[in-house]
Amino acid sequence: MNILVINPTSESELNDTIFQAADQASKLSARSAEEYTHTSAISLDQAPRRVSSPLEIMEASMALMEKVRSLKDVYDGFIIAHTAELGADALQELTGKPVVSSGAAAVYSAPLYGHRIAVLSRSLRDLETHRETLRHYGILHDNLTFLPVMEENAPLADLREAVSEAAEKAKKEHLATVLVLGDPSMGILADDVSRLTHLPVLEGITSALIRIEYMVYQQERLREHAAKRT
């Protein structure tokens, strides 16, 4: 199975972080060497560096559509590594293949781990974008608490410390029983945050990959069933 994880921004320094999270997730879900899910990660040179305003979302969606159109026959599924939805439904219609938003994937499964869920967002603007994505998918629950971890233009070098502080705040002040790292930039911090807080920590890339593997499997089974009927 070949899955493309797309960073729909031109913030290319996130690519290594996103790929590390995706590669780790594919190893966790692999049942054997033959069933190992192969992941690739790319960014979009033509997209904005940050994506949160309506114009930035539109520009990123257009760049994403063109990139996926050119690669739709190469991959079995696509993960949008962002808190914004960015036209995932349209991309699924275009490709006929599963498309999963990492911004929705972790929150979707979070209630299975606990009922007081804290969602850590990179900034206040990202927080509002994430809310809209969850509303789109019908999973904006009342038991979600959203916490921005940094100012909008803060350097990524400060992210680890900021996430750790926000995670401890979520546990102590908001009594969170499960944490969601909402932004792809936080993905590789999940284990560290779990050790710090002793709470289950979900991140979008791993959650999206596990979800999309099952969607690809189901799609293949449906094709087989249809072939047997003809």
C-alpha atoms as a PDB file:
ATOM      1  CA  MET A   1       0.000   0.000   0.000  1.00  0.00           C
ATOM      2  CA  ASN A   2       1.378   3.401  -1.006  1.00  0.00           C
ATOM      3  CA  ILE A   3       0.147   6.489   0.816  1.00  0.00           C
ATOM      4  CA  LEU A   4       1.110  10.094   0.080  1.00  0.00           C
ATOM      5  CA  VAL A   5       1.163  12.475   3.035  1.00  0.00           C
ATOM      6  CA  ILE A   6       0.854  16.037   1.764  1.00  0.00           C
ATOM      7  CA  ASN A   7       1.993  19.079   3.688  1.00  0.00           C
ATOM      8  CA  PRO A   8      -0.318  21.594   1.938  1.00  0.00           C
ATOM      9  CA  THR A   9       1.980  24.519   2.671  1.00  0.00           C
ATOM     10  CA  SER A  10       5.367  25.675   1.442  1.00  0.00           C
ATOM     11  CA  GLU A  11       6.737  25.303   4.995  1.00  0.00           C
ATOM     12  CA  SER A  12       9.048  22.552   3.784  1.00  0.00           C
ATOM     13  CA  GLU A  13      10.901  22.207   7.099  1.00  0.00           C
ATOM     14  CA  LEU A  14       7.832  20.339   8.328  1.00  0.00           C
ATOM     15  CA  ASN A  15       8.385  17.541   5.817  1.00  0.00           C
ATOM     16  CA  ASP A  16      10.894  15.618   7.941  1.00  0.00           C
ATOM     17  CA  THR A  17       8.626  15.868  10.983  1.00  0.00           C
ATOM     18  CA  ILE A  18       5.606  14.691   8.999  1.00  0.00           C
ATOM     19  CA  PHE A  19       7.516  11.843   7.367  1.00  0.00           C
ATOM     20  CA  GLN A  20       8.936  10.645  10.697  1.00  0.00           C
ATOM     21  CA  ALA A  21       5.433  10.481  12.179  1.00  0.00           C
ATOM     22  CA  ALA A  22       4.063   8.685   9.112  1.00  0.00           C
ATOM     23  CA  ASP A  23       6.932   6.201   8.937  1.00  0.00           C
ATOM     24  CA  GLN A  24       6.615   5.362  12.617  1.00  0.00           C
ATOM     25  CA  ALA A  25       2.861   4.889  12.228  1.00  0.00           C
ATOM     26  CA  SER A  26       3.242   2.574   9.236  1.00  0.00           C
ATOM     27  CA  LYS A  27       5.656   0.381  11.190  1.00  0.00           C
ATOM     28  CA  LEU A  28       3.240   0.193  14.108  1.00  0.00           C
ATOM     29  CA  SER A  29       0.373  -0.923  11.903  1.00  0.00           C
ATOM     30  CA  ALA A  30       2.332  -3.366   9.723  1.00  0.00           C
ATOM     31  CA  ARG A  31       1.383  -6.986  10.251  1.00  0.00           C
ATOM     32  CA  SER A  32       4.304  -8.326   8.204  1.00  0.00           C
ATOM     33  CA  ALA A  33       7.079  -7.076   5.951  1.00  0.00           C
ATOM     34  CA  GLU A  34       4.871  -7.710   2.905  1.00  0.00           C
ATOM     35  CA  GLU A  35       2.032  -5.634   4.343  1.00  0.00           C
ATOM     36  CA  TYR A  36       4.184  -2.660   5.295  1.00  0.00           C
ATOM     37  CA  THR A  37       2.574   0.602   4.230  1.00  0.00           C
ATOM     38  CA  HIS A  38       4.948   2.778   2.235  1.00  0.00           C
ATOM     39  CA  THR A  39       4.593   6.480   2.903  1.00  0.00           C
ATOM     40  CA  SER A  40       5.953   9.523   1.113  1.00  0.00           C
ATOM     41  CA  ALA A  41       5.753  13.133   2.269  1.00  0.00           C
ATOM     42  CA  ILE A  42       5.799  16.267   0.138  1.00  0.00           C
ATOM     43  CA  SER A  43       5.102  19.971   0.536  1.00  0.00           C
ATOM     44  CA  LEU A  44       3.583  22.316  -2.052  1.00  0.00           C
ATOM     45  CA  ASP A  45       5.922  24.981  -3.395  1.00  0.00           C
ATOM     46  CA  GLN A  46       3.021  26.995  -4.839  1.00  0.00           C
ATOM     47  CA  ALA A  47       1.039  27.073  -1.589  1.00  0.00           C
ATOM     48  CA  PRO A  48       1.271  29.723   1.161  1.00  0.00           C
ATOM     49  CA  ARG A  49       3.814  29.159   3.896  1.00  0.00           C
ATOM     50  CA  ARG A  50       1.090  29.195   6.553  1.00  0.00           C
ATOM     51  CA  VAL A  51      -2.550  28.303   5.933  1.00  0.00           C
ATOM     52  CA  SER A  52      -5.242  29.768   8.168  1.00  0.00           C
ATOM     53  CA  SER A  53      -6.931  32.783   6.513  1.00  0.00           C
ATOM     54  CA  PRO A  54      -9.717  32.291   3.907  1.00  0.00           C
ATOM     55  CA  LEU A  55      -7.382  33.374   1.097  1.00  0.00           C
ATOM     56  CA  GLU A  56      -4.581  31.077   2.275  1.00  0.00           C
ATOM     57  CA  ILE A  57      -7.007  28.161   2.532  1.00  0.00           C
ATOM     58  CA  MET A  58      -8.260  28.794  -1.008  1.00  0.00           C
ATOM     59  CA  GLU A  59      -4.720  29.054  -2.427  1.00  0.00           C
ATOM     60  CA  ALA A  60      -3.594  25.899  -0.616  1.00  0.00           C
ATOM     61  CA  SER A  61      -6.697  24.011  -1.786  1.00  0.00           C
ATOM     62  CA  MET A  62      -6.004  24.920  -5.412  1.00  0.00           C
ATOM     63  CA  ALA A  63      -2.326  23.905  -5.175  1.00  0.00           C
ATOM     64  CA  LEU A  64      -3.353  20.676  -3.461  1.00  0.00           C
ATOM     65  CA  MET A  65      -5.892  19.841  -6.159  1.00  0.00           C
ATOM     66  CA  GLU A  66      -3.339  20.249  -8.935  1.00  0.00           C
ATOM     67  CA  LYS A  67      -0.707  18.152  -7.154  1.00  0.00           C
ATOM     68  CA  VAL A  68      -3.099  15.313  -6.369  1.00  0.00           C
ATOM     69  CA  ARG A  69      -4.467  15.375  -9.925  1.00  0.00           C
ATOM     70  CA  SER A  70      -0.966  14.673 -11.232  1.00  0.00           C
ATOM     71  CA  LEU A  71      -0.362  11.825  -8.757  1.00  0.00           C
ATOM     72  CA  LYS A  72      -3.771  10.181  -8.463  1.00  0.00           C
ATOM     73  CA  ASP A  73      -2.677   7.031 -10.295  1.00  0.00           C
ATOM     74  CA  VAL A  74       0.505   6.599  -8.245  1.00  0.00           C
ATOM     75  CA  TYR A  75      -0.872   6.276  -4.714  1.00  0.00           C
ATOM     76  CA  ASP A  76      -3.604   4.261  -3.004  1.00  0.00           C
ATOM     77  CA  GLY A  77      -4.651   7.101  -0.720  1.00  0.00           C
ATOM     78  CA  PHE A  78      -3.807  10.628   0.374  1.00  0.00           C
ATOM     79  CA  ILE A  79      -3.431  12.272   3.797  1.00  0.00           C
ATOM     80  CA  ILE A  80      -3.746  16.040   4.107  1.00  0.00           C
ATOM     81  CA  ALA A  81      -1.368  16.953   6.926  1.00  0.00           C
ATOM     82  CA  HIS A  82      -3.114  20.042   8.224  1.00  0.00           C
ATOM     83  CA  THR A  83      -5.819  21.223  10.581  1.00  0.00           C
ATOM     84  CA  ALA A  84      -7.794  22.662   7.630  1.00  0.00           C
ATOM     85  CA  GLU A  85     -10.099  20.421   5.587  1.00  0.00           C
ATOM     86  CA  LEU A  86      -8.806  21.859   2.274  1.00  0.00           C
ATOM     87  CA  GLY A  87     -11.278  20.152  -0.028  1.00  0.00           C
ATOM     88  CA  ALA A  88     -10.715  16.553   1.042  1.00  0.00           C
ATOM     89  CA  ASP A  89     -14.182  15.612  -0.212  1.00  0.00           C
ATOM     90  CA  ALA A  90     -13.425  17.046  -3.657  1.00  0.00           C
ATOM     91  CA  LEU A  91     -10.069  15.248  -3.772  1.00  0.00           C
ATOM     92  CA  GLN A  92     -11.751  11.960  -2.966  1.00  0.00           C
ATOM     93  CA  GLU A  93     -14.199  12.568  -5.814  1.00  0.00           C
ATOM     94  CA  LEU A  94     -11.311  13.463  -8.147  1.00  0.00           C
ATOM     95  CA  THR A  95      -9.205  10.402  -7.359  1.00  0.00           C
ATOM     96  CA  GLY A  96     -11.793   7.802  -6.415  1.00  0.00           C
ATOM     97  CA  LYS A  97      -9.458   6.976  -3.527  1.00  0.00           C
ATOM     98  CA  PRO A  98      -9.518   7.617   0.219  1.00  0.00           C
ATOM     99  CA  VAL A  99      -8.470  11.079   1.365  1.00  0.00           C
ATOM    100  CA  VAL A 100      -8.121  11.768   5.102  1.00  0.00           C
ATOM    101  CA  SER A 101      -7.547  15.038   6.929  1.00  0.00           C
ATOM    102  CA  SER A 102      -5.075  14.644   9.789  1.00  0.00           C
ATOM    103  CA  GLY A 103      -6.862  17.484  11.557  1.00  0.00           C
ATOM    104  CA  ALA A 104      -9.994  15.356  11.878  1.00  0.00           C
ATOM    105  CA  ALA A 105      -8.490  11.893  12.304  1.00  0.00           C
ATOM    106  CA  ALA A 106      -7.127  12.144  15.852  1.00  0.00           C
ATOM    107  CA  VAL A 107     -10.192  13.908  17.238  1.00  0.00           C
ATOM    108  CA  TYR A 108     -12.430  11.317  15.576  1.00  0.00           C
ATOM    109  CA  SER A 109     -10.984   8.502  17.697  1.00  0.00           C
ATOM    110  CA  ALA A 110     -10.218  10.512  20.863  1.00  0.00           C
ATOM    111  CA  PRO A 111     -13.525   9.747  22.684  1.00  0.00           C
ATOM    112  CA  LEU A 112     -12.519   6.083  22.741  1.00  0.00           C
ATOM    113  CA  TYR A 113      -9.671   7.058  25.100  1.00  0.00           C
ATOM    114  CA  GLY A 114     -11.426   9.512  27.396  1.00  0.00           C
ATOM    115  CA  HIS A 115     -14.246  12.024  27.696  1.00  0.00           C
ATOM    116  CA  ARG A 116     -12.305  15.171  28.610  1.00  0.00           C
ATOM    117  CA  ILE A 117     -10.319  15.877  25.479  1.00  0.00           C
ATOM    118  CA  ALA A 118      -7.794  18.692  25.143  1.00  0.00           C
ATOM    119  CA  VAL A 119      -6.809  19.649  21.599  1.00  0.00           C
ATOM    120  CA  LEU A 120      -3.485  21.480  21.364  1.00  0.00           C
ATOM    121  CA  SER A 121      -3.287  23.853  18.396  1.00  0.00           C
ATOM    122  CA  ARG A 122      -0.179  25.570  17.112  1.00  0.00           C
ATOM    123  CA  SER A 123      -1.679  29.068  17.351  1.00  0.00           C
ATOM    124  CA  LEU A 124      -5.006  30.802  17.933  1.00  0.00           C
ATOM    125  CA  ARG A 125      -5.583  31.092  14.182  1.00  0.00           C
ATOM    126  CA  ASP A 126      -4.903  27.374  13.726  1.00  0.00           C
ATOM    127  CA  LEU A 127      -7.321  26.664  16.561  1.00  0.00           C
ATOM    128  CA  GLU A 128     -10.194  28.392  14.740  1.00  0.00           C
ATOM    129  CA  THR A 129      -9.305  26.611  11.491  1.00  0.00           C
ATOM    130  CA  HIS A 130      -9.331  23.281  13.318  1.00  0.00           C
ATOM    131  CA  ARG A 131     -12.757  24.018  14.778  1.00  0.00           C
ATOM    132  CA  GLU A 132     -14.147  24.578  11.285  1.00  0.00           C
ATOM    133  CA  THR A 133     -12.700  21.273  10.070  1.00  0.00           C
ATOM    134  CA  LEU A 134     -14.251  19.365  12.965  1.00  0.00           C
ATOM    135  CA  ARG A 135     -17.568  21.115  12.362  1.00  0.00           C
ATOM    136  CA  HIS A 136     -17.398  20.056   8.700  1.00  0.00           C
ATOM    137  CA  TYR A 137     -17.053  16.394   9.720  1.00  0.00           C
ATOM    138  CA  GLY A 138     -19.648  16.616  12.493  1.00  0.00           C
ATOM    139  CA  ILE A 139     -17.193  15.874  15.299  1.00  0.00           C
ATOM    140  CA  LEU A 140     -17.009  19.240  17.094  1.00  0.00           C
ATOM    141  CA  HIS A 141     -17.955  17.770  20.473  1.00  0.00           C
ATOM    142  CA  ASP A 142     -18.942  19.719  23.588  1.00  0.00           C
ATOM    143  CA  ASN A 143     -16.257  17.909  25.578  1.00  0.00           C
ATOM    144  CA  LEU A 144     -13.375  19.320  23.503  1.00  0.00           C
ATOM    145  CA  THR A 145     -11.127  21.985  25.028  1.00  0.00           C
ATOM    146  CA  PHE A 146      -8.861  23.860  22.599  1.00  0.00           C
ATOM    147  CA  LEU A 147      -5.536  25.299  23.717  1.00  0.00           C
ATOM    148  CA  PRO A 148      -3.163  27.298  21.468  1.00  0.00           C
ATOM    149  CA  VAL A 149       0.455  26.602  22.370  1.00  0.00           C
ATOM    150  CA  MET A 150       2.320  29.493  20.686  1.00  0.00           C
ATOM    151  CA  GLU A 151       1.905  32.943  19.199  1.00  0.00           C
ATOM    152  CA  GLU A 152       1.250  33.046  15.457  1.00  0.00           C
ATOM    153  CA  ASN A 153       4.799  33.897  14.359  1.00  0.00           C
ATOM    154  CA  ALA A 154       6.721  32.042  17.052  1.00  0.00           C
ATOM    155  CA  PRO A 155       9.629  29.930  15.715  1.00  0.00           C
ATOM    156  CA  LEU A 156       9.221  26.169  15.448  1.00  0.00           C
ATOM    157  CA  ALA A 157      12.320  25.819  17.626  1.00  0.00           C
ATOM    158  CA  ASP A 158      10.128  26.825  20.591  1.00  0.00           C
ATOM    159  CA  LEU A 159       7.449  24.226  19.840  1.00  0.00           C
ATOM    160  CA  ARG A 160       8.621  21.370  22.067  1.00  0.00           C
ATOM    161  CA  GLU A 161       8.688  23.493  25.229  1.00  0.00           C
ATOM    162  CA  ALA A 162       5.404  25.203  24.336  1.00  0.00           C
ATOM    163  CA  VAL A 163       3.618  21.890  23.735  1.00  0.00           C
ATOM    164  CA  SER A 164       4.909  20.466  27.021  1.00  0.00           C
ATOM    165  CA  GLU A 165       3.661  23.492  28.966  1.00  0.00           C
ATOM    166  CA  ALA A 166       0.258  23.401  27.259  1.00  0.00           C
ATOM    167  CA  ALA A 167      -0.081  19.660  27.889  1.00  0.00           C
ATOM    168  CA  GLU A 168       0.585  20.075  31.615  1.00  0.00           C
ATOM    169  CA  LYS A 169      -1.918  22.941  31.726  1.00  0.00           C
ATOM    170  CA  ALA A 170      -4.517  20.800  29.977  1.00  0.00           C
ATOM    171  CA  LYS A 171      -4.111  18.072  32.582  1.00  0.00           C
ATOM    172  CA  LYS A 172      -3.940  20.242  35.702  1.00  0.00           C
ATOM    173  CA  GLU A 173      -6.346  23.080  34.883  1.00  0.00           C
ATOM    174  CA  HIS A 174      -8.759  21.449  32.434  1.00  0.00           C
ATOM    175  CA  LEU A 175      -8.579  17.936  33.924  1.00  0.00           C
ATOM    176  CA  ALA A 176      -8.007  16.434  30.488  1.00  0.00           C
ATOM    177  CA  THR A 177      -7.973  12.641  30.286  1.00  0.00           C
ATOM    178  CA  VAL A 178      -6.734  12.489  26.686  1.00  0.00           C
ATOM    179  CA  LEU A 179      -4.628  14.886  24.629  1.00  0.00           C
ATOM    180  CA  VAL A 180      -4.765  15.515  20.885  1.00  0.00           C
ATOM    181  CA  LEU A 181      -1.786  17.150  19.167  1.00  0.00           C
ATOM    182  CA  GLY A 182      -3.723  19.013  16.523  1.00  0.00           C
ATOM    183  CA  ASP A 183      -0.952  20.302  14.271  1.00  0.00           C
ATOM    184  CA  PRO A 184       1.317  18.059  12.133  1.00  0.00           C
ATOM    185  CA  SER A 185       4.330  19.965  13.457  1.00  0.00           C
ATOM    186  CA  MET A 186       3.690  18.324  16.843  1.00  0.00           C
ATOM    187  CA  GLY A 187       3.467  14.732  15.615  1.00  0.00           C
ATOM    188  CA  ILE A 188       6.862  13.467  16.723  1.00  0.00           C
ATOM    189  CA  LEU A 189       6.302  14.868  20.229  1.00  0.00           C
ATOM    190  CA  ALA A 190       3.474  12.462  21.090  1.00  0.00           C
ATOM    191  CA  ASP A 191       5.590   9.945  23.020  1.00  0.00           C
ATOM    192  CA  ASP A 192       7.384  12.682  24.964  1.00  0.00           C
ATOM    193  CA  VAL A 193       4.112  14.349  25.931  1.00  0.00           C
ATOM    194  CA  SER A 194       2.621  11.026  27.008  1.00  0.00           C
ATOM    195  CA  ARG A 195       5.625  10.326  29.246  1.00  0.00           C
ATOM    196  CA  LEU A 196       5.343  13.817  30.727  1.00  0.00           C
ATOM    197  CA  THR A 197       1.612  13.746  31.459  1.00  0.00           C
ATOM    198  CA  HIS A 198       0.940   9.998  31.815  1.00  0.00           C
ATOM    199  CA  LEU A 199      -2.043  10.466  29.502  1.00  0.00           C
ATOM    200  CA  PRO A 200      -2.926   8.940  26.136  1.00  0.00           C
ATOM    201  CA  VAL A 201      -1.741  11.300  23.399  1.00  0.00           C
ATOM    202  CA  LEU A 202      -3.108  11.133  19.859  1.00  0.00           C
ATOM    203  CA  GLU A 203      -1.621  12.888  16.847  1.00  0.00           C
ATOM    204  CA  GLY A 204      -3.126  13.396  13.430  1.00  0.00           C
ATOM    205  CA  ILE A 205      -0.655  11.678  11.097  1.00  0.00           C
ATOM    206  CA  THR A 206      -0.695   8.326  12.906  1.00  0.00           C
ATOM    207  CA  SER A 207      -4.468   8.476  13.348  1.00  0.00           C
ATOM    208  CA  ALA A 208      -4.969   9.363   9.683  1.00  0.00           C
ATOM    209  CA  LEU A 209      -2.689   6.578   8.469  1.00  0.00           C
ATOM    210  CA  ILE A 210      -4.454   3.932  10.552  1.00  0.00           C
ATOM    211  CA  ARG A 211      -7.809   5.200   9.278  1.00  0.00           C
ATOM    212  CA  ILE A 212      -6.763   5.354   5.631  1.00  0.00           C
ATOM    213  CA  GLU A 213      -5.268   1.852   5.678  1.00  0.00           C
ATOM    214  CA  TYR A 214      -8.656   0.473   6.650  1.00  0.00           C
ATOM    215  CA  MET A 215     -10.412   2.617   4.038  1.00  0.00           C
ATOM    216  CA  VAL A 216      -8.105   1.312   1.287  1.00  0.00           C
ATOM    217  CA  TYR A 217      -8.686  -2.248   2.508  1.00  0.00           C
ATOM    218  CA  GLN A 218     -12.460  -1.752   2.419  1.00  0.00           C
ATOM    219  CA  GLN A 219     -12.285  -0.231  -1.056  1.00  0.00           C
ATOM    220  CA  GLU A 220     -10.318  -3.227  -2.344  1.00  0.00           C
ATOM    221  CA  ARG A 221     -12.846  -5.655  -0.824  1.00  0.00           C
ATOM    222  CA  LEU A 222     -15.747  -3.791  -2.440  1.00  0.00           C
ATOM    223  CA  ARG A 223     -14.034  -4.023  -5.829  1.00  0.00           C
ATOM    224  CA  GLU A 224     -13.546  -7.758  -5.339  1.00  0.00           C
ATOM    225  CA  HIS A 225     -17.196  -8.228  -4.395  1.00  0.00           C
ATOM    226  CA  ALA A 226     -18.306  -6.222  -7.428  1.00  0.00           C
ATOM    227  CA  ALA A 227     -16.061  -8.281  -9.730  1.00  0.00           C
ATOM    228  CA  LYS A 228     -17.596 -11.525  -8.447  1.00  0.00           C
ATOM    229  CA  ARG A 229     -21.111 -10.304  -9.228  1.00  0.00           C
ATOM    230  CA  THR A 230     -20.270  -9.572 -12.866  1.00  0.00           C
END
